[in-house]
């Protein structure tokens, strides 16, 4: 609903003004609220630019870029080989910018007597090899699986990087991250995955109604709620967040990207539960931003 009203606001703002430059951004639901916040703060000081942000999933954003229906495609995953081939066929020069870092977290109902799982446990649960919580030290309760739909970058990331196999057919595919959170709040046997920024506010406080699981690896448990664990690499489920373009950025598009990557933009990213980009990411971005 927030995104809908933001779109209406942008349209009203630009109506009747020929001097307004519009940037259209579509894609990842993981990124949509974060990019909306960046767009809002950018427009506060750039009254001749309107930034329209919508979600729908990483696949939706990538398809829009390939079809030349968006300026920026938000994506929580990299392009697939088939997508790159299609982009090339349609004359789209795919340029990747990494603007933030996300820690994926697994959540359960607060009443479930499980505080941590290993990567192997998660893999077995989501592929259906483990279907009862008693197999991992919990109650005798059948596990309810929640995940994203197939066009989600998070769906793809978990499948390829964590499961390395297909999801169990019993997994309920949700249209957005918020649906996963609400489902877990109401299902004491449920488990789901979300970007950490969806369940942590700018002061680092966790959302009520869900429990964030730690990851148990090598005789230690590491939580995505520990910022230091993300920064120093101890937490194992971390991914870059992308914004894809058609060709090297210039003009208002380049200016907006530079704002996101500036100290102010990166502070906003941190305040919204995500993490700033690394030195390596900055170096990768610079070769695209400095291209003449």
Protein backbone atom coordinates (compact mmCIF):
# COMPACT_ATOMS: atom_id res chain seq x y z
CA UNK A 1 0.00 0.00 0.00
CA UNK A 2 2.87 2.36 0.82
CA UNK A 3 4.37 1.78 -2.63
CA UNK A 4 1.00 2.46 -4.29
CA UNK A 5 0.58 5.85 -2.60
CA UNK A 6 4.21 6.71 -3.38
CA UNK A 7 3.51 6.10 -7.06
CA UNK A 8 0.42 8.34 -6.90
CA UNK A 9 2.50 11.04 -5.18
CA UNK A 10 5.15 10.88 -7.88
CA UNK A 11 2.57 11.11 -10.65
CA UNK A 12 0.86 14.10 -9.06
CA UNK A 13 4.19 15.78 -8.46
CA UNK A 14 5.21 15.54 -12.08
CA UNK A 15 1.80 16.22 -13.62
CA UNK A 16 1.89 19.27 -15.85
CA UNK A 17 5.61 19.93 -15.37
CA UNK A 18 7.67 19.35 -18.49
CA UNK A 19 10.92 20.03 -16.62
CA UNK A 20 10.53 16.95 -14.38
CA UNK A 21 12.86 14.02 -15.12
CA UNK A 22 11.42 10.64 -14.11
CA UNK A 23 13.38 7.55 -13.07
CA UNK A 24 11.41 4.28 -13.15
CA UNK A 25 12.61 1.48 -10.85
CA UNK A 26 11.03 -1.99 -10.76
CA UNK A 27 11.78 -5.38 -9.25
CA UNK A 28 12.93 -6.98 -6.03
CA UNK A 29 10.53 -7.01 -3.08
CA UNK A 30 13.56 -7.32 -0.81
CA UNK A 31 14.77 -3.95 -2.09
CA UNK A 32 11.51 -2.09 -2.72
CA UNK A 33 11.04 -0.40 0.68
CA UNK A 34 14.73 0.45 0.96
CA UNK A 35 14.89 2.01 -2.52
CA UNK A 36 11.62 3.82 -1.88
CA UNK A 37 13.18 5.43 1.19
CA UNK A 38 16.28 6.40 -0.81
CA UNK A 39 14.03 7.86 -3.52
CA UNK A 40 12.01 9.87 -1.00
CA UNK A 41 15.09 11.45 0.57
CA UNK A 42 16.64 12.14 -2.84
CA UNK A 43 13.54 13.95 -4.08
CA UNK A 44 13.53 16.16 -0.98
CA UNK A 45 16.57 17.97 -2.37
CA UNK A 46 16.03 17.35 -6.11
CA UNK A 47 12.63 18.81 -6.95
CA UNK A 48 13.07 18.37 -10.68
CA UNK A 49 13.46 14.59 -10.42
CA UNK A 50 10.72 12.07 -9.64
CA UNK A 51 11.62 8.47 -8.79
CA UNK A 52 8.85 5.87 -9.18
CA UNK A 53 9.54 2.60 -7.32
CA UNK A 54 7.53 -0.64 -7.53
CA UNK A 55 8.18 -4.26 -6.52
CA UNK A 56 6.96 -7.53 -7.96
CA UNK A 57 10.13 -9.59 -7.59
CA UNK A 58 13.61 -9.62 -9.11
CA UNK A 59 12.41 -11.55 -12.16
CA UNK A 60 9.81 -8.87 -12.82
CA UNK A 61 12.44 -6.13 -12.69
CA UNK A 62 14.84 -8.01 -14.94
CA UNK A 63 12.08 -8.72 -17.47
CA UNK A 64 11.15 -5.03 -17.45
CA UNK A 65 14.75 -4.04 -18.17
CA UNK A 66 15.05 -6.58 -20.99
CA UNK A 67 11.79 -5.23 -22.45
CA UNK A 68 13.00 -1.64 -21.95
CA UNK A 69 10.13 -0.81 -19.58
CA UNK A 70 12.25 0.44 -16.67
CA UNK A 71 15.36 2.54 -16.10
CA UNK A 72 16.61 0.42 -13.19
CA UNK A 73 15.89 -3.20 -12.33
CA UNK A 74 16.14 -3.96 -8.63
CA UNK A 75 17.35 -7.52 -8.14
CA UNK A 76 18.51 -9.55 -5.15
CA UNK A 77 20.20 -12.01 -7.49
CA UNK A 78 22.48 -11.92 -10.50
CA UNK A 79 21.23 -12.28 -14.07
CA UNK A 80 20.70 -15.84 -15.26
CA UNK A 81 22.53 -16.96 -18.42
CA UNK A 82 19.27 -17.22 -20.35
CA UNK A 83 18.33 -13.67 -19.30
CA UNK A 84 21.70 -12.33 -20.44
CA UNK A 85 21.27 -14.03 -23.82
CA UNK A 86 17.80 -12.54 -24.22
CA UNK A 87 19.05 -9.10 -23.20
CA UNK A 88 21.81 -9.30 -25.81
CA UNK A 89 19.30 -10.35 -28.47
CA UNK A 90 17.18 -7.30 -27.66
CA UNK A 91 20.07 -4.87 -27.65
CA UNK A 92 20.18 -4.34 -23.88
CA UNK A 93 23.66 -3.72 -22.47
CA UNK A 94 23.33 -5.02 -18.90
CA UNK A 95 25.29 -2.97 -16.36
CA UNK A 96 25.33 -4.13 -12.69
CA UNK A 97 25.60 -1.78 -9.72
CA UNK A 98 25.81 -3.16 -6.17
CA UNK A 99 24.30 -0.58 -3.81
CA UNK A 100 23.72 -2.53 -0.57
CA UNK A 101 24.33 -5.83 1.21
CA UNK A 102 21.62 -8.04 2.70
CA UNK A 103 21.73 -10.75 5.35
CA UNK A 104 19.04 -13.36 4.81
CA UNK A 105 17.47 -14.72 7.97
CA UNK A 106 15.28 -17.69 8.78
CA UNK A 107 12.36 -16.98 11.07
CA UNK A 108 9.97 -19.09 13.16
CA UNK A 109 7.16 -18.46 15.62
CA UNK A 110 8.42 -17.23 19.04
CA UNK A 111 6.80 -20.22 20.79
CA UNK A 112 8.81 -22.77 18.80
CA UNK A 113 11.58 -24.23 20.99
CA UNK A 114 14.27 -23.87 18.30
CA UNK A 115 16.85 -21.08 18.44
CA UNK A 116 19.42 -22.18 15.85
CA UNK A 117 19.80 -24.42 12.81
CA UNK A 118 22.80 -25.43 10.75
CA UNK A 119 22.94 -24.90 6.99
CA UNK A 120 22.62 -28.68 6.65
CA UNK A 121 19.45 -28.60 8.79
CA UNK A 122 17.95 -25.85 6.64
CA UNK A 123 18.81 -27.74 3.47
CA UNK A 124 17.18 -30.92 4.78
CA UNK A 125 14.08 -29.05 5.97
CA UNK A 126 13.45 -27.13 2.76
CA UNK A 127 14.09 -30.14 0.51
CA UNK A 128 11.70 -32.28 2.54
CA UNK A 129 14.22 -34.70 4.03
CA UNK A 130 13.24 -33.44 7.49
CA UNK A 131 9.53 -32.81 7.92
CA UNK A 132 9.09 -32.76 11.72
CA UNK A 133 10.65 -30.38 14.23
CA UNK A 134 11.58 -33.27 16.56
CA UNK A 135 14.35 -34.25 14.12
CA UNK A 136 16.26 -31.04 15.01
CA UNK A 137 15.52 -30.95 18.74
CA UNK A 138 12.11 -29.34 18.63
CA UNK A 139 8.59 -30.53 19.43
CA UNK A 140 6.79 -33.39 17.70
CA UNK A 141 5.21 -31.09 15.13
CA UNK A 142 5.08 -31.30 11.30
CA UNK A 143 7.06 -28.45 9.72
CA UNK A 144 5.24 -25.83 7.64
CA UNK A 145 7.46 -24.38 4.92
CA UNK A 146 7.09 -20.81 3.66
CA UNK A 147 9.07 -19.20 0.84
CA UNK A 148 8.80 -16.80 -2.08
CA UNK A 149 7.36 -17.38 -5.52
CA UNK A 150 9.54 -18.47 -8.43
CA UNK A 151 10.22 -15.00 -9.89
CA UNK A 152 11.75 -13.85 -6.60
CA UNK A 153 15.49 -13.34 -6.37
CA UNK A 154 15.39 -14.59 -2.79
CA UNK A 155 13.70 -17.81 -3.95
CA UNK A 156 16.52 -18.33 -6.47
CA UNK A 157 19.31 -17.40 -4.05
CA UNK A 158 18.16 -19.85 -1.37
CA UNK A 159 17.65 -22.60 -3.93
CA UNK A 160 21.03 -22.23 -5.64
CA UNK A 161 23.29 -21.14 -2.77
CA UNK A 162 21.80 -22.94 0.25
CA UNK A 163 19.67 -25.89 -0.88
CA UNK A 164 21.53 -26.71 -4.09
CA UNK A 165 18.39 -28.66 -4.97
CA UNK A 166 14.68 -28.14 -5.56
CA UNK A 167 12.36 -27.00 -2.80
CA UNK A 168 9.99 -29.55 -1.33
CA UNK A 169 6.62 -29.45 -3.10
CA UNK A 170 4.85 -28.69 0.19
CA UNK A 171 6.42 -25.21 0.47
CA UNK A 172 3.84 -22.43 0.37
CA UNK A 173 4.98 -19.80 -2.13
CA UNK A 174 4.18 -16.29 -0.93
CA UNK A 175 3.84 -13.26 -3.20
CA UNK A 176 5.92 -11.03 -0.93
CA UNK A 177 8.12 -10.97 2.14
CA UNK A 178 5.38 -9.41 4.26
CA UNK A 179 3.16 -12.42 3.56
CA UNK A 180 5.87 -14.76 4.87
CA UNK A 181 6.19 -12.72 8.07
CA UNK A 182 2.44 -12.67 8.70
CA UNK A 183 2.20 -16.40 8.02
CA UNK A 184 4.94 -17.19 10.56
CA UNK A 185 3.25 -14.99 13.16
CA UNK A 186 0.18 -17.22 12.85
CA UNK A 187 1.80 -20.64 12.42
CA UNK A 188 3.64 -22.17 15.37
CA UNK A 189 5.06 -24.88 13.12
CA UNK A 190 6.20 -22.55 10.36
CA UNK A 191 9.62 -21.52 9.05
CA UNK A 192 10.31 -18.84 6.46
CA UNK A 193 13.13 -16.72 5.06
CA UNK A 194 13.32 -12.92 4.80
CA UNK A 195 15.83 -10.14 4.29
CA UNK A 196 16.92 -8.89 7.71
CA UNK A 197 15.87 -5.33 6.84
CA UNK A 198 12.22 -6.39 6.91
CA UNK A 199 12.26 -7.39 10.57
CA UNK A 200 14.73 -4.92 12.11
CA UNK A 201 14.07 -1.19 12.50
CA UNK A 202 16.61 1.65 12.29
CA UNK A 203 17.51 1.31 15.99
CA UNK A 204 18.28 -2.39 15.59
CA UNK A 205 15.15 -3.57 17.38
CA UNK A 206 13.59 -6.78 16.12
CA UNK A 207 9.96 -7.01 15.02
CA UNK A 208 7.64 -8.65 17.53
CA UNK A 209 5.84 -11.88 16.64
CA UNK A 210 8.73 -13.73 15.00
CA UNK A 211 11.96 -15.32 16.18
CA UNK A 212 15.15 -14.93 14.14
CA UNK A 213 17.19 -18.13 14.09
CA UNK A 214 20.94 -18.19 14.51
CA UNK A 215 23.02 -20.29 12.16
CA UNK A 216 24.96 -23.05 13.93
CA UNK A 217 28.30 -23.74 12.28
CA UNK A 218 31.58 -25.16 13.66
CA UNK A 219 30.46 -25.28 17.30
CA UNK A 220 29.22 -21.70 17.36
CA UNK A 221 25.95 -19.91 16.69
CA UNK A 222 25.87 -16.70 14.70
CA UNK A 223 22.85 -14.41 14.45
CA UNK A 224 22.05 -12.03 11.55
CA UNK A 225 20.98 -9.58 14.26
CA UNK A 226 24.67 -9.10 15.14
CA UNK A 227 25.96 -6.38 12.82
CA UNK A 228 29.58 -7.25 13.53
CA UNK A 229 28.96 -10.84 12.41
CA UNK A 230 27.77 -9.57 9.03
CA UNK A 231 30.63 -7.13 8.54
CA UNK A 232 33.41 -9.53 9.54
CA UNK A 233 31.98 -12.40 7.51
CA UNK A 234 31.00 -14.74 10.34
CA UNK A 235 27.35 -14.89 9.30
CA UNK A 236 27.24 -17.18 6.23
CA UNK A 237 24.05 -16.11 4.39
CA UNK A 238 24.93 -12.71 2.95
CA UNK A 239 24.34 -11.43 -0.57
CA UNK A 240 24.83 -8.25 -2.61
CA UNK A 241 21.79 -6.27 -3.72
CA UNK A 242 21.89 -5.21 -7.38
CA UNK A 243 20.48 -2.46 -9.52
CA UNK A 244 20.78 -3.27 -13.22
CA UNK A 245 20.82 -0.70 -16.02
CA UNK A 246 20.72 -0.72 -19.80
CA UNK A 247 24.06 0.84 -20.67
CA UNK A 248 26.39 3.07 -18.67
CA UNK A 249 24.49 5.58 -16.51
CA UNK A 250 24.48 9.29 -17.26
CA UNK A 251 22.56 12.42 -16.29
CA UNK A 252 19.88 12.11 -13.60
CA UNK A 253 20.22 8.32 -13.53
CA UNK A 254 23.91 8.51 -12.69
CA UNK A 255 23.28 11.25 -10.12
CA UNK A 256 20.69 9.12 -8.30
CA UNK A 257 23.01 6.10 -8.23
CA UNK A 258 25.84 8.24 -6.88
CA UNK A 259 23.49 9.46 -4.15
CA UNK A 260 22.69 5.87 -3.12
CA UNK A 261 26.41 5.08 -2.98
CA UNK A 262 27.33 8.27 -1.12
CA UNK A 263 27.92 8.41 2.63
CA UNK A 264 24.39 9.74 3.11
CA UNK A 265 22.85 7.02 0.97
CA UNK A 266 24.83 4.29 2.70
CA UNK A 267 23.77 5.67 6.09
CA UNK A 268 20.12 5.41 5.03
CA UNK A 269 20.78 1.83 3.95
CA UNK A 270 22.24 1.03 7.38
CA UNK A 271 19.34 2.72 9.16
CA UNK A 272 16.91 0.50 7.30
CA UNK A 273 18.43 -2.79 8.45
CA UNK A 274 20.73 -3.46 5.51
CA UNK A 275 24.50 -3.09 5.25
CA UNK A 276 26.83 -0.77 3.33
CA UNK A 277 28.80 -2.02 0.36
CA UNK A 278 32.39 -3.19 0.69
CA UNK A 279 35.55 -1.66 -0.78
CA UNK A 280 35.49 -4.37 -3.46
CA UNK A 281 31.92 -3.45 -4.40
CA UNK A 282 32.90 0.22 -4.68
CA UNK A 283 35.74 -0.65 -7.02
CA UNK A 284 33.42 -2.72 -9.19
CA UNK A 285 30.83 0.07 -9.32
CA UNK A 286 33.36 2.76 -10.14
CA UNK A 287 34.37 1.21 -13.45
CA UNK A 288 30.75 1.60 -14.62
CA UNK A 289 30.09 5.00 -13.07
CA UNK A 290 33.30 6.55 -14.37
CA UNK A 291 32.87 5.26 -17.91
CA UNK A 292 32.78 8.05 -20.43
